[in-house]
Amino acid sequence: MNKYAMTPQGQYHGPLPVRDFFPLPNVIFDLGLTAEEIAIYAFLMKCEDRRTYTCYPSYKTIGNAIGKSRNTVIKYVNMLEEKCLITKHKTFVITKDGKAWNGNLIFKIAPLRNEQDVYYYQQMWKRRNIPYFKPEKRRKRS
């Protein structure tokens, strides 16, 4: 991989900044997740604080980033939470006049390190009757 960035005119202008990249574990593709689940997981990884494994984007922000509606994002976030890849926690904000308002959700991402983690997740999903494989395409009726 070239360690220098290229301008549209074909000129090199120095090393690539590290801040423009984020790590996505290779084993995420071995879990049999849907494209939407991988997109949401990747966006949460992009937003997370690397020390605490947490981030707090809204459903609307996630939806705008991956091109899906808020309701679709909620559905797939719940699926990721059911598969124990993320957890979400509600937050509250107290205003100056003492009213409590809902805040953003805080997402905590479960770190995936290797194939052994994938094996443990798949075994856990089997016990909970959660499918960890991609569903087969439906056959056309004849």
N, C-alpha and C. Protein backbone atom coordinates (compact mmCIF):
# COMPACT_ATOMS: atom_id res chain seq x y z
N MET A 1 0.84 -1.17 0.00
CA MET A 1 0.00 0.00 0.00
C MET A 1 0.89 1.24 0.00
N ASN A 2 0.51 2.19 -0.78
CA ASN A 2 1.28 3.42 -0.86
C ASN A 2 1.01 4.26 0.38
N LYS A 3 2.05 4.75 1.01
CA LYS A 3 1.84 5.52 2.24
C LYS A 3 1.70 7.01 1.98
N TYR A 4 1.63 7.41 0.71
CA TYR A 4 1.44 8.81 0.37
C TYR A 4 0.12 9.00 -0.36
N ALA A 5 -0.55 10.10 -0.07
CA ALA A 5 -1.82 10.41 -0.71
C ALA A 5 -1.57 11.08 -2.06
N MET A 6 -2.45 10.83 -3.02
CA MET A 6 -2.29 11.39 -4.35
C MET A 6 -3.39 12.42 -4.60
N THR A 7 -3.05 13.54 -5.17
CA THR A 7 -4.03 14.56 -5.52
C THR A 7 -4.71 14.17 -6.82
N PRO A 8 -5.83 14.81 -7.18
CA PRO A 8 -6.48 14.50 -8.46
C PRO A 8 -5.58 14.74 -9.67
N GLN A 9 -4.60 15.62 -9.53
CA GLN A 9 -3.69 15.88 -10.65
C GLN A 9 -2.58 14.83 -10.73
N GLY A 10 -2.56 13.87 -9.83
CA GLY A 10 -1.56 12.80 -9.88
C GLY A 10 -0.29 13.10 -9.13
N GLN A 11 -0.30 14.12 -8.27
CA GLN A 11 0.89 14.48 -7.52
C GLN A 11 0.77 13.96 -6.09
N TYR A 12 1.89 13.58 -5.52
CA TYR A 12 1.91 13.11 -4.13
C TYR A 12 2.06 14.31 -3.20
N HIS A 13 1.39 14.29 -2.08
CA HIS A 13 1.49 15.42 -1.16
C HIS A 13 1.71 15.00 0.28
N GLY A 14 2.45 13.96 0.52
CA GLY A 14 2.82 13.60 1.89
C GLY A 14 2.10 12.37 2.39
N PRO A 15 2.42 11.95 3.60
CA PRO A 15 1.83 10.73 4.16
C PRO A 15 0.34 10.89 4.43
N LEU A 16 -0.36 9.75 4.39
CA LEU A 16 -1.78 9.75 4.69
C LEU A 16 -2.00 10.00 6.18
N PRO A 17 -2.95 10.85 6.54
CA PRO A 17 -3.21 11.06 7.97
C PRO A 17 -3.89 9.85 8.59
N VAL A 18 -3.44 9.43 9.75
CA VAL A 18 -3.96 8.24 10.41
C VAL A 18 -5.39 8.48 10.89
N ARG A 19 -5.75 9.70 11.16
CA ARG A 19 -7.07 9.99 11.72
C ARG A 19 -8.21 9.70 10.75
N ASP A 20 -7.92 9.50 9.46
CA ASP A 20 -8.97 9.26 8.48
C ASP A 20 -9.32 7.79 8.32
N PHE A 21 -8.82 6.92 9.18
CA PHE A 21 -9.08 5.49 9.09
C PHE A 21 -9.55 4.97 10.44
N PHE A 22 -10.26 3.84 10.40
CA PHE A 22 -10.66 3.19 11.65
C PHE A 22 -10.57 1.69 11.44
N PRO A 23 -10.28 0.94 12.50
CA PRO A 23 -10.13 -0.51 12.36
C PRO A 23 -11.49 -1.21 12.34
N LEU A 24 -11.66 -2.12 11.40
CA LEU A 24 -12.85 -2.97 11.36
C LEU A 24 -12.34 -4.41 11.39
N PRO A 25 -12.73 -5.19 12.39
CA PRO A 25 -12.18 -6.55 12.50
C PRO A 25 -12.59 -7.42 11.32
N ASN A 26 -11.66 -8.20 10.81
CA ASN A 26 -11.94 -9.08 9.67
C ASN A 26 -12.99 -10.13 10.01
N VAL A 27 -13.05 -10.54 11.27
CA VAL A 27 -13.96 -11.61 11.64
C VAL A 27 -15.42 -11.18 11.58
N ILE A 28 -15.70 -9.91 11.43
CA ILE A 28 -17.09 -9.45 11.34
C ILE A 28 -17.77 -10.05 10.10
N PHE A 29 -16.97 -10.36 9.08
CA PHE A 29 -17.53 -10.93 7.86
C PHE A 29 -17.79 -12.43 7.98
N ASP A 30 -17.29 -13.06 9.04
CA ASP A 30 -17.50 -14.48 9.25
C ASP A 30 -18.74 -14.77 10.10
N LEU A 31 -19.40 -13.73 10.58
CA LEU A 31 -20.55 -13.92 11.46
C LEU A 31 -21.86 -14.09 10.72
N GLY A 32 -21.86 -13.91 9.42
CA GLY A 32 -23.09 -14.07 8.66
C GLY A 32 -24.08 -12.93 8.85
N LEU A 33 -23.58 -11.73 9.08
CA LEU A 33 -24.45 -10.58 9.27
C LEU A 33 -24.95 -10.06 7.92
N THR A 34 -26.07 -9.36 7.94
CA THR A 34 -26.59 -8.75 6.72
C THR A 34 -25.75 -7.51 6.39
N ALA A 35 -25.93 -7.00 5.18
CA ALA A 35 -25.18 -5.82 4.76
C ALA A 35 -25.52 -4.61 5.64
N GLU A 36 -26.78 -4.49 6.03
CA GLU A 36 -27.19 -3.37 6.88
C GLU A 36 -26.56 -3.47 8.26
N GLU A 37 -26.50 -4.67 8.82
CA GLU A 37 -25.88 -4.86 10.13
C GLU A 37 -24.39 -4.52 10.08
N ILE A 38 -23.71 -4.93 9.02
CA ILE A 38 -22.29 -4.63 8.88
C ILE A 38 -22.09 -3.12 8.71
N ALA A 39 -22.97 -2.47 7.94
CA ALA A 39 -22.85 -1.03 7.73
C ALA A 39 -23.03 -0.28 9.05
N ILE A 40 -24.02 -0.67 9.84
CA ILE A 40 -24.26 0.00 11.12
C ILE A 40 -23.10 -0.27 12.08
N TYR A 41 -22.64 -1.52 12.13
CA TYR A 41 -21.51 -1.86 13.00
C TYR A 41 -20.28 -1.06 12.60
N ALA A 42 -20.03 -0.94 11.29
CA ALA A 42 -18.87 -0.18 10.81
C ALA A 42 -19.00 1.30 11.16
N PHE A 43 -20.21 1.86 11.03
CA PHE A 43 -20.39 3.27 11.37
C PHE A 43 -20.18 3.50 12.86
N LEU A 44 -20.67 2.58 13.69
CA LEU A 44 -20.45 2.71 15.13
C LEU A 44 -18.97 2.59 15.47
N MET A 45 -18.25 1.72 14.77
CA MET A 45 -16.80 1.60 14.97
C MET A 45 -16.10 2.90 14.59
N LYS A 46 -16.59 3.55 13.53
CA LYS A 46 -16.00 4.82 13.10
C LYS A 46 -16.18 5.89 14.17
N CYS A 47 -17.33 5.88 14.82
CA CYS A 47 -17.65 6.92 15.81
C CYS A 47 -17.12 6.63 17.21
N GLU A 48 -16.72 5.41 17.49
CA GLU A 48 -16.42 5.03 18.87
C GLU A 48 -15.16 5.69 19.43
N ASP A 49 -15.16 5.83 20.74
CA ASP A 49 -13.97 6.24 21.48
C ASP A 49 -13.15 4.98 21.71
N ARG A 50 -11.93 4.95 21.24
CA ARG A 50 -11.11 3.74 21.26
C ARG A 50 -10.75 3.29 22.68
N ARG A 51 -10.82 4.18 23.66
CA ARG A 51 -10.49 3.79 25.03
C ARG A 51 -11.67 3.16 25.75
N THR A 52 -12.88 3.65 25.49
CA THR A 52 -14.06 3.18 26.23
C THR A 52 -14.97 2.28 25.41
N TYR A 53 -14.71 2.13 24.12
CA TYR A 53 -15.55 1.36 23.19
C TYR A 53 -16.98 1.88 23.15
N THR A 54 -17.19 3.17 23.37
CA THR A 54 -18.54 3.73 23.35
C THR A 54 -18.64 4.83 22.29
N CYS A 55 -19.88 5.06 21.84
CA CYS A 55 -20.19 6.16 20.95
C CYS A 55 -21.65 6.53 21.16
N TYR A 56 -22.06 7.67 20.66
CA TYR A 56 -23.42 8.11 20.94
C TYR A 56 -24.09 8.81 19.75
N PRO A 57 -24.05 8.25 18.55
CA PRO A 57 -24.79 8.86 17.45
C PRO A 57 -26.29 8.57 17.58
N SER A 58 -27.11 9.45 17.03
CA SER A 58 -28.56 9.21 17.04
C SER A 58 -28.92 8.25 15.91
N TYR A 59 -30.14 7.71 15.99
CA TYR A 59 -30.61 6.84 14.91
C TYR A 59 -30.64 7.60 13.59
N LYS A 60 -31.01 8.87 13.64
CA LYS A 60 -31.08 9.69 12.43
C LYS A 60 -29.70 9.86 11.81
N THR A 61 -28.69 10.09 12.65
CA THR A 61 -27.32 10.25 12.16
C THR A 61 -26.83 8.96 11.50
N ILE A 62 -27.11 7.84 12.13
CA ILE A 62 -26.71 6.54 11.54
C ILE A 62 -27.42 6.33 10.22
N GLY A 63 -28.73 6.63 10.19
CA GLY A 63 -29.50 6.46 8.96
C GLY A 63 -29.00 7.33 7.83
N ASN A 64 -28.64 8.57 8.13
CA ASN A 64 -28.10 9.45 7.09
C ASN A 64 -26.76 8.93 6.58
N ALA A 65 -25.96 8.37 7.46
CA ALA A 65 -24.63 7.88 7.06
C ALA A 65 -24.71 6.65 6.16
N ILE A 66 -25.67 5.77 6.41
CA ILE A 66 -25.73 4.53 5.63
C ILE A 66 -26.85 4.53 4.60
N GLY A 67 -27.62 5.62 4.54
CA GLY A 67 -28.67 5.74 3.53
C GLY A 67 -29.92 4.92 3.83
N LYS A 68 -30.26 4.77 5.09
CA LYS A 68 -31.46 4.02 5.49
C LYS A 68 -32.34 4.90 6.38
N SER A 69 -33.60 4.52 6.50
CA SER A 69 -34.52 5.29 7.33
C SER A 69 -34.27 5.00 8.81
N ARG A 70 -34.81 5.87 9.65
CA ARG A 70 -34.65 5.74 11.10
C ARG A 70 -35.22 4.41 11.59
N ASN A 71 -36.41 4.02 11.09
CA ASN A 71 -37.03 2.77 11.53
C ASN A 71 -36.20 1.55 11.12
N THR A 72 -35.61 1.60 9.94
CA THR A 72 -34.75 0.50 9.50
C THR A 72 -33.52 0.41 10.39
N VAL A 73 -32.95 1.55 10.74
CA VAL A 73 -31.77 1.56 11.63
C VAL A 73 -32.14 0.97 12.98
N ILE A 74 -33.29 1.35 13.52
CA ILE A 74 -33.72 0.81 14.82
C ILE A 74 -33.83 -0.70 14.75
N LYS A 75 -34.41 -1.21 13.66
CA LYS A 75 -34.57 -2.66 13.50
C LYS A 75 -33.22 -3.38 13.52
N TYR A 76 -32.25 -2.86 12.75
CA TYR A 76 -30.97 -3.54 12.66
C TYR A 76 -30.11 -3.32 13.90
N VAL A 77 -30.25 -2.20 14.57
CA VAL A 77 -29.55 -1.99 15.84
C VAL A 77 -30.06 -3.00 16.87
N ASN A 78 -31.37 -3.22 16.89
CA ASN A 78 -31.93 -4.22 17.81
C ASN A 78 -31.42 -5.62 17.48
N MET A 79 -31.24 -5.92 16.19
CA MET A 79 -30.71 -7.22 15.80
C MET A 79 -29.25 -7.37 16.25
N LEU A 80 -28.46 -6.30 16.12
CA LEU A 80 -27.07 -6.35 16.59
C LEU A 80 -27.01 -6.50 18.10
N GLU A 81 -27.94 -5.85 18.79
CA GLU A 81 -27.98 -5.97 20.25
C GLU A 81 -28.40 -7.37 20.67
N GLU A 82 -29.34 -7.95 19.94
CA GLU A 82 -29.79 -9.31 20.24
C GLU A 82 -28.65 -10.31 20.05
N LYS A 83 -27.77 -10.02 19.09
CA LYS A 83 -26.62 -10.89 18.82
C LYS A 83 -25.43 -10.56 19.72
N CYS A 84 -25.60 -9.65 20.67
CA CYS A 84 -24.59 -9.27 21.66
C CYS A 84 -23.34 -8.65 21.05
N LEU A 85 -23.45 -8.05 19.87
CA LEU A 85 -22.31 -7.36 19.29
C LEU A 85 -22.23 -5.92 19.77
N ILE A 86 -23.38 -5.36 20.18
CA ILE A 86 -23.40 -4.03 20.77
C ILE A 86 -24.39 -4.04 21.93
N THR A 87 -24.25 -3.07 22.81
CA THR A 87 -25.27 -2.82 23.83
C THR A 87 -25.61 -1.34 23.76
N LYS A 88 -26.84 -1.00 24.12
CA LYS A 88 -27.23 0.41 24.10
C LYS A 88 -27.80 0.78 25.46
N HIS A 89 -27.50 1.99 25.88
CA HIS A 89 -27.95 2.50 27.17
C HIS A 89 -28.62 3.84 26.95
N LYS A 90 -29.75 4.05 27.60
CA LYS A 90 -30.45 5.32 27.50
C LYS A 90 -29.78 6.35 28.39
N THR A 91 -29.85 7.60 27.95
CA THR A 91 -29.35 8.70 28.76
C THR A 91 -30.47 9.72 28.95
N PHE A 92 -30.37 10.51 30.00
CA PHE A 92 -31.36 11.54 30.29
C PHE A 92 -30.65 12.87 30.52
N VAL A 93 -31.34 13.92 30.17
CA VAL A 93 -30.83 15.26 30.36
C VAL A 93 -31.80 16.00 31.26
N ILE A 94 -31.30 16.65 32.30
CA ILE A 94 -32.13 17.46 33.18
C ILE A 94 -31.95 18.92 32.78
N THR A 95 -33.03 19.59 32.41
CA THR A 95 -32.96 20.99 32.00
C THR A 95 -32.86 21.89 33.22
N LYS A 96 -32.64 23.18 32.98
CA LYS A 96 -32.51 24.14 34.08
C LYS A 96 -33.79 24.23 34.92
N ASP A 97 -34.94 24.04 34.26
CA ASP A 97 -36.20 24.12 35.01
C ASP A 97 -36.59 22.78 35.63
N GLY A 98 -35.70 21.77 35.60
CA GLY A 98 -35.93 20.52 36.30
C GLY A 98 -36.63 19.44 35.50
N LYS A 99 -36.90 19.66 34.22
CA LYS A 99 -37.55 18.64 33.40
C LYS A 99 -36.53 17.63 32.90
N ALA A 100 -36.95 16.38 32.85
CA ALA A 100 -36.09 15.32 32.35
C ALA A 100 -36.43 15.05 30.88
N TRP A 101 -35.44 15.06 30.04
CA TRP A 101 -35.60 14.77 28.61
C TRP A 101 -34.74 13.56 28.27
N ASN A 102 -35.18 12.83 27.24
CA ASN A 102 -34.37 11.73 26.75
C ASN A 102 -33.14 12.28 26.04
N GLY A 103 -32.01 11.67 26.28
CA GLY A 103 -30.78 12.03 25.59
C GLY A 103 -30.49 11.02 24.49
N ASN A 104 -29.31 11.12 23.90
CA ASN A 104 -28.91 10.13 22.90
C ASN A 104 -28.64 8.79 23.58
N LEU A 105 -28.73 7.74 22.78
CA LEU A 105 -28.32 6.43 23.27
C LEU A 105 -26.80 6.36 23.29
N ILE A 106 -26.27 5.63 24.24
CA ILE A 106 -24.84 5.34 24.26
C ILE A 106 -24.67 3.90 23.81
N PHE A 107 -23.92 3.71 22.74
CA PHE A 107 -23.67 2.37 22.21
C PHE A 107 -22.31 1.90 22.71
N LYS A 108 -22.25 0.68 23.19
CA LYS A 108 -20.98 0.06 23.59
C LYS A 108 -20.76 -1.11 22.64
N ILE A 109 -19.61 -1.15 22.02
CA ILE A 109 -19.31 -2.14 21.00
C ILE A 109 -18.49 -3.26 21.63
N ALA A 110 -18.94 -4.50 21.42
CA ALA A 110 -18.20 -5.66 21.92
C ALA A 110 -16.99 -5.88 21.02
N PRO A 111 -15.79 -5.92 21.61
CA PRO A 111 -14.60 -6.11 20.77
C PRO A 111 -14.52 -7.53 20.23
N LEU A 112 -14.27 -7.66 18.93
CA LEU A 112 -14.04 -8.95 18.29
C LEU A 112 -12.57 -9.05 17.93
N ARG A 113 -11.95 -10.14 18.32
CA ARG A 113 -10.52 -10.25 18.10
C ARG A 113 -10.12 -11.34 17.11
N ASN A 114 -10.77 -12.49 17.15
CA ASN A 114 -10.29 -13.59 16.32
C ASN A 114 -11.42 -14.58 16.03
N GLU A 115 -11.06 -15.67 15.39
CA GLU A 115 -12.04 -16.68 15.02
C GLU A 115 -12.65 -17.37 16.24
N GLN A 116 -11.92 -17.42 17.33
CA GLN A 116 -12.45 -18.03 18.55
C GLN A 116 -13.65 -17.23 19.06
N ASP A 117 -13.59 -15.90 18.96
CA ASP A 117 -14.74 -15.07 19.34
C ASP A 117 -15.95 -15.38 18.46
N VAL A 118 -15.70 -15.57 17.17
CA VAL A 118 -16.79 -15.90 16.24
C VAL A 118 -17.43 -17.22 16.66
N TYR A 119 -16.60 -18.21 16.99
CA TYR A 119 -17.13 -19.51 17.42
C TYR A 119 -18.00 -19.34 18.67
N TYR A 120 -17.54 -18.56 19.66
CA TYR A 120 -18.31 -18.37 20.89
C TYR A 120 -19.63 -17.64 20.62
N TYR A 121 -19.59 -16.63 19.75
CA TYR A 121 -20.83 -15.93 19.41
C TYR A 121 -21.82 -16.86 18.72
N GLN A 122 -21.32 -17.69 17.80
CA GLN A 122 -22.22 -18.62 17.10
C GLN A 122 -22.83 -19.63 18.07
N GLN A 123 -22.04 -20.12 19.03
CA GLN A 123 -22.58 -21.05 20.02
C GLN A 123 -23.63 -20.37 20.90
N MET A 124 -23.37 -19.13 21.26
CA MET A 124 -24.33 -18.38 22.07
C MET A 124 -25.62 -18.16 21.30
N TRP A 125 -25.50 -17.86 20.00
CA TRP A 125 -26.70 -17.63 19.19
C TRP A 125 -27.50 -18.91 19.04
N LYS A 126 -26.82 -20.04 18.93
CA LYS A 126 -27.54 -21.32 18.83
C LYS A 126 -28.37 -21.56 20.09
N ARG A 127 -27.79 -21.26 21.25
CA ARG A 127 -28.51 -21.48 22.51
C ARG A 127 -29.71 -20.56 22.63
N ARG A 128 -29.61 -19.37 22.05
CA ARG A 128 -30.72 -18.41 22.12
C ARG A 128 -31.66 -18.52 20.92
N ASN A 129 -31.41 -19.49 20.04
CA ASN A 129 -32.20 -19.69 18.82
C ASN A 129 -32.19 -18.45 17.92
N ILE A 130 -31.04 -17.82 17.81
CA ILE A 130 -30.86 -16.68 16.91
C ILE A 130 -30.09 -17.19 15.70
N PRO A 131 -30.62 -17.00 14.50
CA PRO A 131 -29.87 -17.47 13.32
C PRO A 131 -28.63 -16.61 13.11
N TYR A 132 -27.49 -17.26 12.93
CA TYR A 132 -26.25 -16.54 12.70
C TYR A 132 -25.79 -16.70 11.26
N PHE A 133 -26.59 -17.31 10.44
CA PHE A 133 -26.24 -17.52 9.05
C PHE A 133 -27.17 -16.70 8.17
N LYS A 134 -26.73 -16.45 6.96
CA LYS A 134 -27.56 -15.69 6.04
C LYS A 134 -28.69 -16.60 5.54
N PRO A 135 -29.92 -16.11 5.52
CA PRO A 135 -31.03 -16.94 5.06
C PRO A 135 -30.88 -17.27 3.58
N GLU A 136 -31.36 -18.46 3.23
CA GLU A 136 -31.30 -18.88 1.84
C GLU A 136 -32.30 -18.09 1.02
N LYS A 137 -32.00 -17.95 -0.27
CA LYS A 137 -32.94 -17.25 -1.15
C LYS A 137 -34.17 -18.13 -1.35
N ARG A 138 -35.30 -17.48 -1.43
CA ARG A 138 -36.54 -18.22 -1.64
C ARG A 138 -36.61 -18.74 -3.07
N ARG A 139 -37.14 -19.93 -3.19
CA ARG A 139 -37.32 -20.51 -4.51
C ARG A 139 -38.61 -19.98 -5.12
N LYS A 140 -38.56 -19.80 -6.41
CA LYS A 140 -39.77 -19.35 -7.10
C LYS A 140 -40.74 -20.51 -7.20
N ARG A 141 -42.01 -20.17 -7.02
CA ARG A 141 -43.04 -21.20 -7.16
C ARG A 141 -43.24 -21.51 -8.62
N SER A 142 -43.44 -22.78 -8.89
CA SER A 142 -43.64 -23.16 -10.29
C SER A 142 -45.08 -23.39 -10.62
